[in-house]
Amino acid sequence: MTGDPARAWATPRLVWIVALAITLGVWALWPSASRAHPPRAAQPSGHEKSEGLTLASDQRRETVRAGARCPAAALVRSYHVLAINVELTLNRFLDHDPNGRMYVLESDLARVRREEMQNREARGDRAEPAVSLGLQGDAIQRLVLRVNQGECLRIAGLRRWAR
């Protein structure tokens, strides 16, 4: 380049100024965390209310209706369930909760009481514990009721905290 040295520097300086202006413009338009999420409303969330988070369903979207009846042709699975107090043995080291509660099928109540007695005896070194690895056949474990789609579930005989 021939000519004025100040003019030789003008073109690269102009390129840098334009590049800087574009960068700043893009940065200003880019959503930041403070602009992407506006400040919270004055209304407290469900966790901040005095009663805590209230559980409720959306009545406009709820598919279960009060008083729904099973179709006449549907297979009915009926279970007799009891809510009982039980000494829950938590692991093979015989840690236990003497004030435990659980749901049990009425037909399994005697088996639960036998297992409870066996674990009580094991804590006194008079028997083997009835707790297995992985709850494979243990009577003292959570109750799961399964039904297939289209079947009706009937829970009968629910009594609360029988001893």
C-alpha atoms as a PDB file:
ATOM      1  CA  MET A   1       0.000   0.000   0.000  1.00  0.00           C
ATOM      2  CA  THR A   2       1.290   3.355  -0.911  1.00  0.00           C
ATOM      3  CA  GLY A   3       0.234   6.659   0.358  1.00  0.00           C
ATOM      4  CA  ASP A   4      -0.702   8.030   3.761  1.00  0.00           C
ATOM      5  CA  PRO A   5       0.226   5.719   6.708  1.00  0.00           C
ATOM      6  CA  ALA A   6      -2.828   6.884   8.684  1.00  0.00           C
ATOM      7  CA  ARG A   7      -5.035   5.766   5.823  1.00  0.00           C
ATOM      8  CA  ALA A   8      -3.336   2.345   5.817  1.00  0.00           C
ATOM      9  CA  TRP A   9      -4.480   1.806   9.396  1.00  0.00           C
ATOM     10  CA  ALA A  10      -8.024   3.057   8.799  1.00  0.00           C
ATOM     11  CA  THR A  11      -9.325  -0.028   6.991  1.00  0.00           C
ATOM     12  CA  PRO A  12      -8.205  -2.654   9.589  1.00  0.00           C
ATOM     13  CA  ARG A  13      -9.387  -0.344  12.382  1.00  0.00           C
ATOM     14  CA  LEU A  14     -12.782  -0.036  10.694  1.00  0.00           C
ATOM     15  CA  VAL A  15     -13.005  -3.843  10.356  1.00  0.00           C
ATOM     16  CA  TRP A  16     -12.297  -4.247  14.073  1.00  0.00           C
ATOM     17  CA  ILE A  17     -14.860  -1.626  15.030  1.00  0.00           C
ATOM     18  CA  VAL A  18     -17.539  -3.273  12.876  1.00  0.00           C
ATOM     19  CA  ALA A  19     -16.688  -6.738  14.273  1.00  0.00           C
ATOM     20  CA  LEU A  20     -16.879  -5.391  17.840  1.00  0.00           C
ATOM     21  CA  ALA A  21     -20.229  -3.693  17.159  1.00  0.00           C
ATOM     22  CA  ILE A  22     -21.666  -6.915  15.700  1.00  0.00           C
ATOM     23  CA  THR A  23     -20.413  -8.947  18.666  1.00  0.00           C
ATOM     24  CA  LEU A  24     -21.891  -6.518  21.175  1.00  0.00           C
ATOM     25  CA  GLY A  25     -25.169  -6.388  19.258  1.00  0.00           C
ATOM     26  CA  VAL A  26     -25.488 -10.180  19.182  1.00  0.00           C
ATOM     27  CA  TRP A  27     -24.551 -10.380  22.871  1.00  0.00           C
ATOM     28  CA  ALA A  28     -27.199  -7.800  23.756  1.00  0.00           C
ATOM     29  CA  LEU A  29     -29.869  -9.774  21.890  1.00  0.00           C
ATOM     30  CA  TRP A  30     -28.810 -13.149  23.329  1.00  0.00           C
ATOM     31  CA  PRO A  31     -31.203 -14.302  26.133  1.00  0.00           C
ATOM     32  CA  SER A  32     -29.543 -14.225  29.506  1.00  0.00           C
ATOM     33  CA  ALA A  33     -30.643 -16.039  32.652  1.00  0.00           C
ATOM     34  CA  SER A  34     -31.977 -12.833  34.196  1.00  0.00           C
ATOM     35  CA  ARG A  35     -34.056 -11.947  31.136  1.00  0.00           C
ATOM     36  CA  ALA A  36     -35.163 -15.500  30.262  1.00  0.00           C
ATOM     37  CA  HIS A  37     -36.821 -16.067  33.648  1.00  0.00           C
ATOM     38  CA  PRO A  38     -38.815 -13.096  34.888  1.00  0.00           C
ATOM     39  CA  PRO A  39     -38.922 -12.512  38.660  1.00  0.00           C
ATOM     40  CA  ARG A  40     -41.296 -14.671  40.692  1.00  0.00           C
ATOM     41  CA  ALA A  41     -44.776 -13.399  41.338  1.00  0.00           C
ATOM     42  CA  ALA A  42     -45.746 -12.093  44.741  1.00  0.00           C
ATOM     43  CA  GLN A  43     -47.988 -15.157  45.202  1.00  0.00           C
ATOM     44  CA  PRO A  44     -46.122 -17.869  47.196  1.00  0.00           C
ATOM     45  CA  SER A  45     -45.672 -21.277  45.626  1.00  0.00           C
ATOM     46  CA  GLY A  46     -47.407 -24.316  47.100  1.00  0.00           C
ATOM     47  CA  HIS A  47     -44.328 -25.190  49.144  1.00  0.00           C
ATOM     48  CA  GLU A  48     -44.203 -21.785  50.805  1.00  0.00           C
ATOM     49  CA  LYS A  49     -47.796 -21.739  52.045  1.00  0.00           C
ATOM     50  CA  SER A  50     -48.427 -22.468  55.707  1.00  0.00           C
ATOM     51  CA  GLU A  51     -50.110 -25.814  55.007  1.00  0.00           C
ATOM     52  CA  GLY A  52     -47.393 -26.918  52.588  1.00  0.00           C
ATOM     53  CA  LEU A  53     -48.090 -28.311  49.150  1.00  0.00           C
ATOM     54  CA  THR A  54     -51.750 -29.186  48.806  1.00  0.00           C
ATOM     55  CA  LEU A  55     -52.568 -32.265  46.787  1.00  0.00           C
ATOM     56  CA  ALA A  56     -55.455 -31.933  44.382  1.00  0.00           C
ATOM     57  CA  SER A  57     -56.352 -33.223  40.964  1.00  0.00           C
ATOM     58  CA  ASP A  58     -57.337 -31.191  37.964  1.00  0.00           C
ATOM     59  CA  GLN A  59     -61.052 -31.922  37.748  1.00  0.00           C
ATOM     60  CA  ARG A  60     -61.121 -30.954  34.074  1.00  0.00           C
ATOM     61  CA  ARG A  61     -58.571 -33.654  33.183  1.00  0.00           C
ATOM     62  CA  GLU A  62     -59.313 -36.348  35.804  1.00  0.00           C
ATOM     63  CA  THR A  63     -60.434 -39.631  34.249  1.00  0.00           C
ATOM     64  CA  VAL A  64     -61.613 -41.365  37.423  1.00  0.00           C
ATOM     65  CA  ARG A  65     -65.196 -40.523  38.270  1.00  0.00           C
ATOM     66  CA  ALA A  66     -66.933 -40.873  41.613  1.00  0.00           C
ATOM     67  CA  GLY A  67     -69.208 -43.889  41.691  1.00  0.00           C
ATOM     68  CA  ALA A  68     -67.772 -45.421  38.530  1.00  0.00           C
ATOM     69  CA  ARG A  69     -69.043 -48.939  37.936  1.00  0.00           C
ATOM     70  CA  CYS A  70     -67.287 -51.867  36.388  1.00  0.00           C
ATOM     71  CA  PRO A  71     -68.651 -53.122  33.090  1.00  0.00           C
ATOM     72  CA  ALA A  72     -70.707 -56.283  33.522  1.00  0.00           C
ATOM     73  CA  ALA A  73     -68.377 -58.309  31.293  1.00  0.00           C
ATOM     74  CA  ALA A  74     -65.176 -57.221  33.101  1.00  0.00           C
ATOM     75  CA  LEU A  75     -63.136 -59.702  35.129  1.00  0.00           C
ATOM     76  CA  VAL A  76     -63.233 -58.668  38.819  1.00  0.00           C
ATOM     77  CA  ARG A  77     -60.153 -59.133  40.986  1.00  0.00           C
ATOM     78  CA  SER A  78     -61.132 -58.997  44.622  1.00  0.00           C
ATOM     79  CA  TYR A  79     -58.661 -58.648  47.500  1.00  0.00           C
ATOM     80  CA  HIS A  80     -59.328 -58.684  51.247  1.00  0.00           C
ATOM     81  CA  VAL A  81     -56.821 -56.236  52.712  1.00  0.00           C
ATOM     82  CA  LEU A  82     -55.971 -55.485  56.345  1.00  0.00           C
ATOM     83  CA  ALA A  83     -54.015 -52.537  57.724  1.00  0.00           C
ATOM     84  CA  ILE A  84     -51.982 -53.902  60.654  1.00  0.00           C
ATOM     85  CA  ASN A  85     -49.422 -52.904  63.256  1.00  0.00           C
ATOM     86  CA  VAL A  86     -46.297 -55.012  62.867  1.00  0.00           C
ATOM     87  CA  GLU A  87     -42.705 -55.070  64.074  1.00  0.00           C
ATOM     88  CA  LEU A  88     -40.925 -54.325  60.809  1.00  0.00           C
ATOM     89  CA  THR A  89     -37.509 -55.937  60.566  1.00  0.00           C
ATOM     90  CA  LEU A  90     -35.619 -53.719  58.147  1.00  0.00           C
ATOM     91  CA  ASN A  91     -32.567 -55.798  57.208  1.00  0.00           C
ATOM     92  CA  ARG A  92     -30.542 -58.937  57.887  1.00  0.00           C
ATOM     93  CA  PHE A  93     -28.833 -57.141  60.788  1.00  0.00           C
ATOM     94  CA  LEU A  94     -32.261 -57.202  62.499  1.00  0.00           C
ATOM     95  CA  ASP A  95     -32.672 -53.438  62.761  1.00  0.00           C
ATOM     96  CA  HIS A  96     -36.363 -53.005  63.359  1.00  0.00           C
ATOM     97  CA  ASP A  97     -39.220 -50.581  63.857  1.00  0.00           C
ATOM     98  CA  PRO A  98     -41.480 -51.804  66.679  1.00  0.00           C
ATOM     99  CA  ASN A  99     -44.201 -49.333  65.619  1.00  0.00           C
ATOM    100  CA  GLY A 100     -44.373 -50.341  61.967  1.00  0.00           C
ATOM    101  CA  ARG A 101     -47.565 -50.485  59.941  1.00  0.00           C
ATOM    102  CA  MET A 102     -48.355 -52.238  56.713  1.00  0.00           C
ATOM    103  CA  TYR A 103     -51.116 -53.457  54.444  1.00  0.00           C
ATOM    104  CA  VAL A 104     -51.431 -57.215  54.107  1.00  0.00           C
ATOM    105  CA  LEU A 105     -53.757 -59.602  52.345  1.00  0.00           C
ATOM    106  CA  GLU A 106     -56.033 -61.267  54.880  1.00  0.00           C
ATOM    107  CA  SER A 107     -54.876 -64.672  53.625  1.00  0.00           C
ATOM    108  CA  ASP A 108     -51.224 -63.751  54.446  1.00  0.00           C
ATOM    109  CA  LEU A 109     -51.842 -62.451  57.973  1.00  0.00           C
ATOM    110  CA  ALA A 110     -50.805 -65.681  59.736  1.00  0.00           C
ATOM    111  CA  ARG A 111     -47.606 -65.843  57.653  1.00  0.00           C
ATOM    112  CA  VAL A 112     -46.761 -62.226  58.570  1.00  0.00           C
ATOM    113  CA  ARG A 113     -47.270 -62.952  62.275  1.00  0.00           C
ATOM    114  CA  ARG A 114     -45.049 -66.076  62.059  1.00  0.00           C
ATOM    115  CA  GLU A 115     -42.307 -64.063  60.350  1.00  0.00           C
ATOM    116  CA  GLU A 116     -42.653 -61.274  62.913  1.00  0.00           C
ATOM    117  CA  MET A 117     -42.269 -63.826  65.750  1.00  0.00           C
ATOM    118  CA  GLN A 118     -39.273 -65.480  64.044  1.00  0.00           C
ATOM    119  CA  ASN A 119     -37.503 -62.123  63.687  1.00  0.00           C
ATOM    120  CA  ARG A 120     -38.254 -61.278  67.325  1.00  0.00           C
ATOM    121  CA  GLU A 121     -36.713 -64.611  68.355  1.00  0.00           C
ATOM    122  CA  ALA A 122     -33.697 -63.965  66.094  1.00  0.00           C
ATOM    123  CA  ARG A 123     -33.034 -60.664  67.868  1.00  0.00           C
ATOM    124  CA  GLY A 124     -32.733 -62.715  71.065  1.00  0.00           C
ATOM    125  CA  ASP A 125     -30.361 -65.212  69.331  1.00  0.00           C
ATOM    126  CA  ARG A 126     -32.921 -68.013  69.582  1.00  0.00           C
ATOM    127  CA  ALA A 127     -33.689 -68.433  65.859  1.00  0.00           C
ATOM    128  CA  GLU A 128     -32.555 -67.585  62.341  1.00  0.00           C
ATOM    129  CA  PRO A 129     -33.874 -64.298  60.927  1.00  0.00           C
ATOM    130  CA  ALA A 130     -36.736 -64.510  58.450  1.00  0.00           C
ATOM    131  CA  VAL A 131     -35.352 -61.640  56.341  1.00  0.00           C
ATOM    132  CA  SER A 132     -34.002 -62.698  52.956  1.00  0.00           C
ATOM    133  CA  LEU A 133     -31.933 -60.886  50.375  1.00  0.00           C
ATOM    134  CA  GLY A 134     -34.201 -58.876  48.102  1.00  0.00           C
ATOM    135  CA  LEU A 135     -37.560 -59.647  49.793  1.00  0.00           C
ATOM    136  CA  GLN A 136     -37.957 -62.687  47.542  1.00  0.00           C
ATOM    137  CA  GLY A 137     -40.494 -64.546  49.596  1.00  0.00           C
ATOM    138  CA  ASP A 138     -40.769 -62.424  52.716  1.00  0.00           C
ATOM    139  CA  ALA A 139     -44.252 -61.930  54.091  1.00  0.00           C
ATOM    140  CA  ILE A 140     -43.298 -58.601  55.649  1.00  0.00           C
ATOM    141  CA  GLN A 141     -42.954 -56.295  52.673  1.00  0.00           C
ATOM    142  CA  ARG A 142     -44.988 -53.709  50.782  1.00  0.00           C
ATOM    143  CA  LEU A 143     -48.279 -54.824  49.313  1.00  0.00           C
ATOM    144  CA  VAL A 144     -48.672 -54.486  45.552  1.00  0.00           C
ATOM    145  CA  LEU A 145     -52.002 -55.187  43.877  1.00  0.00           C
ATOM    146  CA  ARG A 146     -51.930 -55.670  40.112  1.00  0.00           C
ATOM    147  CA  VAL A 147     -54.778 -55.730  37.650  1.00  0.00           C
ATOM    148  CA  ASN A 148     -54.764 -55.782  33.881  1.00  0.00           C
ATOM    149  CA  GLN A 149     -56.313 -53.091  31.754  1.00  0.00           C
ATOM    150  CA  GLY A 150     -60.067 -53.620  31.488  1.00  0.00           C
ATOM    151  CA  GLU A 151     -60.296 -55.573  34.746  1.00  0.00           C
ATOM    152  CA  CYS A 152     -62.001 -54.273  37.863  1.00  0.00           C
ATOM    153  CA  LEU A 153     -60.304 -54.075  41.243  1.00  0.00           C
ATOM    154  CA  ARG A 154     -62.409 -54.616  44.335  1.00  0.00           C
ATOM    155  CA  ILE A 155     -60.767 -54.161  47.745  1.00  0.00           C
ATOM    156  CA  ALA A 156     -62.971 -55.725  50.373  1.00  0.00           C
ATOM    157  CA  GLY A 157     -62.725 -56.023  54.142  1.00  0.00           C
ATOM    158  CA  LEU A 158     -60.303 -53.152  54.742  1.00  0.00           C
ATOM    159  CA  ARG A 159     -59.868 -52.877  58.490  1.00  0.00           C
ATOM    160  CA  ARG A 160     -57.565 -50.328  60.029  1.00  0.00           C
ATOM    161  CA  TRP A 161     -54.587 -51.210  62.210  1.00  0.00           C
ATOM    162  CA  ALA A 162     -55.689 -54.568  63.540  1.00  0.00           C
ATOM    163  CA  ARG A 163     -53.281 -56.141  66.004  1.00  0.00           C
END
